[in-house]
Amino acid sequence: MKKSLVLVLSLLLVLALAIGCASQKPAEPAPNDQQPAENTDTSWEDIKAKGYFIVGLDDSFPPMGFRDDKGEIVGFDIDMAKKAAEKLGVEVKFQPCVWSGIIMELNNKNIDVVWNGMTITAERQEQINFSRPYLNNRQIIIVKKDSPIKTKADLAGKKVAVQGGSSAVDAVKADEATFKTIGELVEFSNYTEALMDVKVGRMDAVVIDEVVGKYYLTKEPGLYTVLEEDFGSEQYGIGFRKTDEAFRAELQKAIDDMIADGTAKEVSEKWFGEDIILR
């Protein structure tokens, strides 16, 4: 009887062990055994597949990007983008945008890059990525030739024009001592309108990108003057979505090749009369 009881208990123990082993989950692989996550950045492949990329720009920002007498979009950045597209083996299209909303246009994928004298700022770097800087710039102050305004201190109580969404807005506000004395800081959709208002006396001064301001001065010599003081130096870069690192790398390589083979120098000399490309 005891032997039978021992045998039954032994069989039950073996059965329980078998069931327990069968119910155990397979061991999870160690972290080092897991496969690396698949790269989801297909930005360059997407550009090649559609055969072109879209440049967003303000089409009233000479000499970087603007419309000529025939209504064609031309300019320094336009020529650079066309030459880069040739290097990449794709086409390029140009999409005018309201400057104050151009980063939203980029991140909503309505355009592929912002290539239009865009200043690299800390605030913008939180939203988008940039190429390496390609031009230096300053925020200069332009007034009418006969204006009594000679220094930033003379802007006290005056109406000062800037382009909405531009780095000029940040530059003026960063100079707290001057900003708090300005009568009114007025934002315009483009600099053409801002300078027109200075010309007719509705604005007292305009804070504007140096490369753009000097271009306008050559078109109407003797009408405006540039103050010796300015609102600081900055650099231009090409803006990309943060997810588009592959495309950014390919376009940067194309620009580097243009600098190395003299293409960028030729474009710069065409628009500025000298080679001002950063290296």
Protein backbone atom coordinates (compact mmCIF):
# COMPACT_ATOMS: atom_id res chain seq x y z
CA MET A 1 0.00 0.00 0.00
CA LYS A 2 2.83 2.37 0.90
CA LYS A 3 4.65 1.48 -2.31
CA SER A 4 1.54 2.27 -4.32
CA LEU A 5 1.08 5.58 -2.54
CA VAL A 6 4.71 6.51 -3.17
CA LEU A 7 4.35 5.62 -6.85
CA VAL A 8 1.21 7.73 -7.24
CA LEU A 9 2.82 10.70 -5.53
CA SER A 10 5.92 10.35 -7.73
CA LEU A 11 3.79 10.35 -10.89
CA LEU A 12 1.90 13.44 -9.73
CA LEU A 13 5.18 15.25 -9.03
CA VAL A 14 6.57 14.44 -12.50
CA LEU A 15 3.30 15.59 -14.12
CA ALA A 16 3.37 18.88 -12.18
CA LEU A 17 6.95 19.56 -13.21
CA ALA A 18 6.11 18.87 -16.86
CA ILE A 19 3.14 21.23 -16.82
CA GLY A 20 5.23 23.95 -15.11
CA CYS A 21 7.98 23.74 -17.70
CA ALA A 22 5.53 23.83 -20.57
CA SER A 23 3.87 27.00 -19.20
CA GLN A 24 7.10 28.94 -18.87
CA LYS A 25 7.56 31.79 -21.43
CA PRO A 26 10.63 31.66 -23.62
CA ALA A 27 13.44 33.83 -22.33
CA GLU A 28 13.52 37.41 -23.67
CA PRO A 29 16.58 38.10 -25.78
CA ALA A 30 19.26 40.18 -24.10
CA PRO A 31 19.41 43.80 -25.19
CA ASN A 32 22.58 43.10 -27.16
CA ASP A 33 20.78 40.38 -29.09
CA GLN A 34 18.02 42.71 -30.34
CA GLN A 35 18.16 43.93 -33.93
CA PRO A 36 18.87 47.66 -34.42
CA ALA A 37 15.87 49.86 -35.21
CA GLU A 38 15.32 50.38 -38.91
CA ASN A 39 16.38 53.81 -40.26
CA THR A 40 13.18 55.64 -41.13
CA ASP A 41 14.82 58.71 -42.73
CA THR A 42 13.91 58.29 -46.40
CA SER A 43 14.09 62.02 -47.19
CA TRP A 44 16.79 61.74 -49.86
CA GLU A 45 15.20 58.65 -51.39
CA ASP A 46 11.88 60.52 -51.50
CA ILE A 47 13.47 63.46 -53.33
CA LYS A 48 15.06 61.15 -55.88
CA ALA A 49 11.81 59.29 -56.37
CA LYS A 50 9.79 62.42 -57.19
CA GLY A 51 12.70 63.94 -59.13
CA TYR A 52 12.76 67.41 -57.57
CA PHE A 53 12.84 69.40 -54.36
CA ILE A 54 10.84 72.53 -53.50
CA VAL A 55 12.51 75.68 -52.22
CA GLY A 56 10.35 77.98 -50.11
CA LEU A 57 11.18 81.68 -50.29
CA ASP A 58 10.08 85.27 -49.94
CA ASP A 59 10.04 86.42 -53.59
CA SER A 60 10.63 90.06 -52.66
CA PHE A 61 14.03 89.62 -50.98
CA PRO A 62 16.66 90.83 -53.47
CA PRO A 63 19.30 89.87 -54.33
CA MET A 64 18.70 86.50 -52.62
CA GLY A 65 15.35 85.72 -54.28
CA PHE A 66 12.99 88.10 -56.11
CA ARG A 67 11.04 88.62 -59.34
CA ASP A 68 12.68 90.37 -62.27
CA ASP A 69 10.97 92.64 -64.80
CA LYS A 70 9.56 89.57 -66.55
CA GLY A 71 8.09 88.15 -63.36
CA GLU A 72 10.67 85.36 -63.19
CA ILE A 73 12.09 84.37 -59.80
CA VAL A 74 15.81 85.12 -59.83
CA GLY A 75 18.59 85.81 -57.34
CA PHE A 76 21.71 84.53 -55.64
CA ASP A 77 19.99 81.76 -53.68
CA ILE A 78 17.96 80.83 -56.77
CA ASP A 79 21.10 80.30 -58.85
CA MET A 80 22.78 78.39 -56.02
CA ALA A 81 19.75 76.09 -55.68
CA LYS A 82 19.67 75.43 -59.43
CA LYS A 83 23.38 74.57 -59.51
CA ALA A 84 23.01 72.31 -56.47
CA ALA A 85 20.07 70.51 -58.11
CA GLU A 86 22.28 69.82 -61.13
CA LYS A 87 24.89 68.28 -58.83
CA LEU A 88 22.20 66.11 -57.21
CA GLY A 89 20.72 65.02 -60.54
CA VAL A 90 17.23 66.32 -59.76
CA GLU A 91 15.11 69.38 -60.59
CA VAL A 92 14.28 72.29 -58.29
CA LYS A 93 11.01 74.20 -57.95
CA PHE A 94 10.41 77.51 -56.19
CA GLN A 95 7.41 78.23 -53.97
CA PRO A 96 6.84 81.80 -52.71
CA CYS A 97 5.65 81.88 -49.08
CA VAL A 98 4.68 84.44 -46.48
CA TRP A 99 7.93 84.72 -44.52
CA SER A 100 6.34 84.77 -41.08
CA GLY A 101 4.84 81.33 -41.77
CA ILE A 102 7.64 79.74 -43.77
CA ILE A 103 8.83 77.35 -41.02
CA MET A 104 5.28 76.04 -40.70
CA GLU A 105 5.21 75.52 -44.48
CA LEU A 106 8.44 73.53 -44.18
CA ASN A 107 7.32 71.34 -41.29
CA ASN A 108 3.94 70.75 -42.96
CA LYS A 109 5.89 69.40 -45.97
CA ASN A 110 4.56 71.99 -48.41
CA ILE A 111 8.18 72.80 -49.23
CA ASP A 112 11.39 70.80 -48.80
CA VAL A 113 13.86 73.53 -47.79
CA VAL A 114 13.98 77.23 -46.92
CA TRP A 115 16.74 78.73 -49.06
CA ASN A 116 16.36 82.49 -48.98
CA GLY A 117 18.85 84.34 -46.79
CA MET A 118 17.54 82.69 -43.64
CA THR A 119 19.40 83.72 -40.50
CA ILE A 120 20.47 80.90 -38.20
CA THR A 121 19.02 81.65 -34.75
CA ALA A 122 18.67 79.60 -31.57
CA GLU A 123 14.88 79.90 -31.74
CA ARG A 124 14.76 78.56 -35.29
CA GLN A 125 17.17 75.75 -34.43
CA GLU A 126 14.60 74.46 -31.98
CA GLN A 127 12.17 73.98 -34.88
CA ILE A 128 14.36 73.08 -37.86
CA ASN A 129 17.90 72.04 -38.83
CA PHE A 130 20.32 74.13 -40.87
CA SER A 131 23.09 73.63 -43.37
CA ARG A 132 26.47 75.03 -42.53
CA PRO A 133 26.49 78.85 -42.74
CA TYR A 134 27.14 80.12 -46.27
CA LEU A 135 27.05 83.94 -45.91
CA ASN A 136 27.71 86.54 -43.23
CA ASN A 137 25.17 89.31 -42.66
CA ARG A 138 24.40 92.31 -40.43
CA GLN A 139 21.14 93.97 -39.44
CA ILE A 140 21.70 97.52 -40.66
CA ILE A 141 19.61 100.67 -40.21
CA ILE A 142 18.50 102.60 -43.29
CA VAL A 143 16.99 106.09 -43.22
CA LYS A 144 16.33 108.76 -45.83
CA LYS A 145 19.37 110.75 -46.92
CA ASP A 146 18.14 113.94 -45.26
CA SER A 147 16.99 112.24 -42.03
CA PRO A 148 18.10 113.74 -38.68
CA ILE A 149 18.57 110.16 -37.41
CA LYS A 150 22.32 109.48 -37.14
CA THR A 151 22.58 106.89 -34.34
CA LYS A 152 20.48 104.25 -32.63
CA ALA A 153 19.82 106.73 -29.83
CA ASP A 154 18.06 108.93 -32.39
CA LEU A 155 15.45 106.20 -32.94
CA ALA A 156 13.80 107.25 -29.66
CA GLY A 157 10.13 107.96 -30.28
CA LYS A 158 10.42 107.05 -33.96
CA LYS A 159 8.57 104.52 -36.15
CA VAL A 160 10.92 101.72 -37.16
CA ALA A 161 10.04 99.14 -39.85
CA VAL A 162 11.06 95.47 -39.90
CA GLN A 163 9.89 92.41 -41.81
CA GLY A 164 7.53 90.21 -39.80
CA GLY A 165 9.09 86.89 -38.83
CA SER A 166 12.60 88.10 -39.71
CA SER A 167 15.70 88.05 -37.53
CA ALA A 168 15.57 91.87 -37.57
CA VAL A 169 12.68 91.70 -35.10
CA ASP A 170 14.77 89.62 -32.68
CA ALA A 171 17.86 91.78 -33.21
CA VAL A 172 16.05 95.00 -32.34
CA LYS A 173 14.34 93.51 -29.30
CA ALA A 174 17.63 92.04 -28.09
CA ASP A 175 19.03 95.58 -27.85
CA GLU A 176 16.85 96.41 -24.86
CA ALA A 177 18.29 99.86 -24.30
CA THR A 178 17.34 100.95 -27.82
CA PHE A 179 14.13 98.95 -28.15
CA LYS A 180 12.48 100.45 -25.09
CA THR A 181 12.93 103.96 -26.52
CA ILE A 182 11.55 103.25 -30.01
CA GLY A 183 8.15 104.82 -30.55
CA GLU A 184 6.74 101.92 -32.58
CA LEU A 185 8.23 98.80 -34.16
CA VAL A 186 6.09 98.07 -37.23
CA GLU A 187 6.19 94.68 -38.96
CA PHE A 188 5.76 94.54 -42.76
CA SER A 189 5.18 91.49 -44.94
CA ASN A 190 8.23 92.41 -47.07
CA TYR A 191 11.03 94.95 -47.26
CA THR A 192 9.86 96.49 -50.52
CA GLU A 193 6.83 97.91 -48.73
CA ALA A 194 8.88 98.88 -45.67
CA LEU A 195 11.36 100.91 -47.72
CA MET A 196 8.53 102.53 -49.65
CA ASP A 197 7.07 103.75 -46.37
CA VAL A 198 10.45 105.17 -45.36
CA LYS A 199 10.65 106.87 -48.75
CA VAL A 200 7.26 108.62 -48.36
CA GLY A 201 7.78 109.42 -44.68
CA ARG A 202 5.34 107.01 -43.02
CA MET A 203 8.30 105.24 -41.39
CA ASP A 204 11.42 106.89 -39.97
CA ALA A 205 13.82 103.98 -40.43
CA VAL A 206 14.01 100.33 -41.44
CA VAL A 207 16.17 97.58 -39.92
CA ILE A 208 17.11 95.25 -42.74
CA ASP A 209 19.59 92.55 -43.81
CA GLU A 210 22.75 94.19 -45.09
CA VAL A 211 22.91 92.23 -48.36
CA VAL A 212 19.30 93.18 -49.12
CA GLY A 213 19.55 96.79 -47.99
CA LYS A 214 22.63 97.49 -50.04
CA TYR A 215 20.94 96.04 -53.12
CA TYR A 216 18.00 98.43 -52.69
CA LEU A 217 20.41 101.35 -52.24
CA THR A 218 21.99 100.65 -55.63
CA LYS A 219 18.55 100.82 -57.26
CA GLU A 220 17.77 104.28 -55.87
CA PRO A 221 21.13 105.99 -55.31
CA GLY A 222 21.09 109.17 -53.28
CA LEU A 223 17.72 108.47 -51.65
CA TYR A 224 18.76 106.48 -48.56
CA THR A 225 21.72 106.27 -46.23
CA VAL A 226 23.02 103.54 -43.88
CA LEU A 227 23.85 104.38 -40.26
CA GLU A 228 27.27 103.42 -38.92
CA GLU A 229 25.69 101.56 -36.01
CA ASP A 230 23.84 98.29 -36.55
CA PHE A 231 21.88 95.65 -34.64
CA GLY A 232 24.46 92.88 -34.83
CA SER A 233 26.01 90.26 -37.06
CA GLU A 234 24.55 86.91 -38.10
CA GLN A 235 24.89 84.11 -40.64
CA TYR A 236 22.67 82.63 -43.33
CA GLY A 237 21.90 78.91 -43.63
CA ILE A 238 19.51 76.62 -45.52
CA GLY A 239 16.62 75.33 -43.42
CA PHE A 240 15.57 71.65 -43.34
CA ARG A 241 13.03 69.58 -41.43
CA LYS A 242 14.63 67.88 -38.44
CA THR A 243 13.58 64.51 -39.85
CA ASP A 244 15.40 65.09 -43.17
CA GLU A 245 19.01 64.50 -42.20
CA ALA A 246 19.71 62.31 -45.25
CA PHE A 247 18.59 65.04 -47.66
CA ARG A 248 20.46 67.69 -45.67
CA ALA A 249 23.69 65.68 -45.93
CA GLU A 250 23.34 65.19 -49.70
CA LEU A 251 22.57 68.86 -50.37
CA GLN A 252 25.43 69.99 -48.13
CA LYS A 253 27.80 67.75 -50.10
CA ALA A 254 26.58 69.32 -53.35
CA ILE A 255 27.25 72.81 -51.97
CA ASP A 256 30.70 71.77 -50.75
CA ASP A 257 31.46 70.50 -54.25
CA MET A 258 30.29 73.84 -55.71
CA ILE A 259 32.65 75.70 -53.39
CA ALA A 260 35.53 73.39 -54.30
CA ASP A 261 35.07 73.61 -58.08
CA GLY A 262 34.47 77.39 -58.21
CA THR A 263 30.76 77.27 -59.08
CA ALA A 264 29.73 79.06 -55.88
CA LYS A 265 32.39 81.74 -56.48
CA GLU A 266 30.95 82.46 -59.95
CA VAL A 267 27.41 82.82 -58.57
CA SER A 268 28.62 85.12 -55.77
CA GLU A 269 30.54 87.35 -58.19
CA LYS A 270 27.48 87.60 -60.42
CA TRP A 271 25.27 88.96 -57.63
CA PHE A 272 27.70 90.69 -55.25
CA GLY A 273 30.64 91.59 -57.46
CA GLU A 274 32.95 89.51 -55.27
CA ASP A 275 33.31 86.10 -53.66
CA ILE A 276 31.71 86.32 -50.21
CA ILE A 277 30.90 82.61 -49.77
CA LEU A 278 31.87 81.19 -46.38
CA ARG A 279 34.22 78.22 -46.39
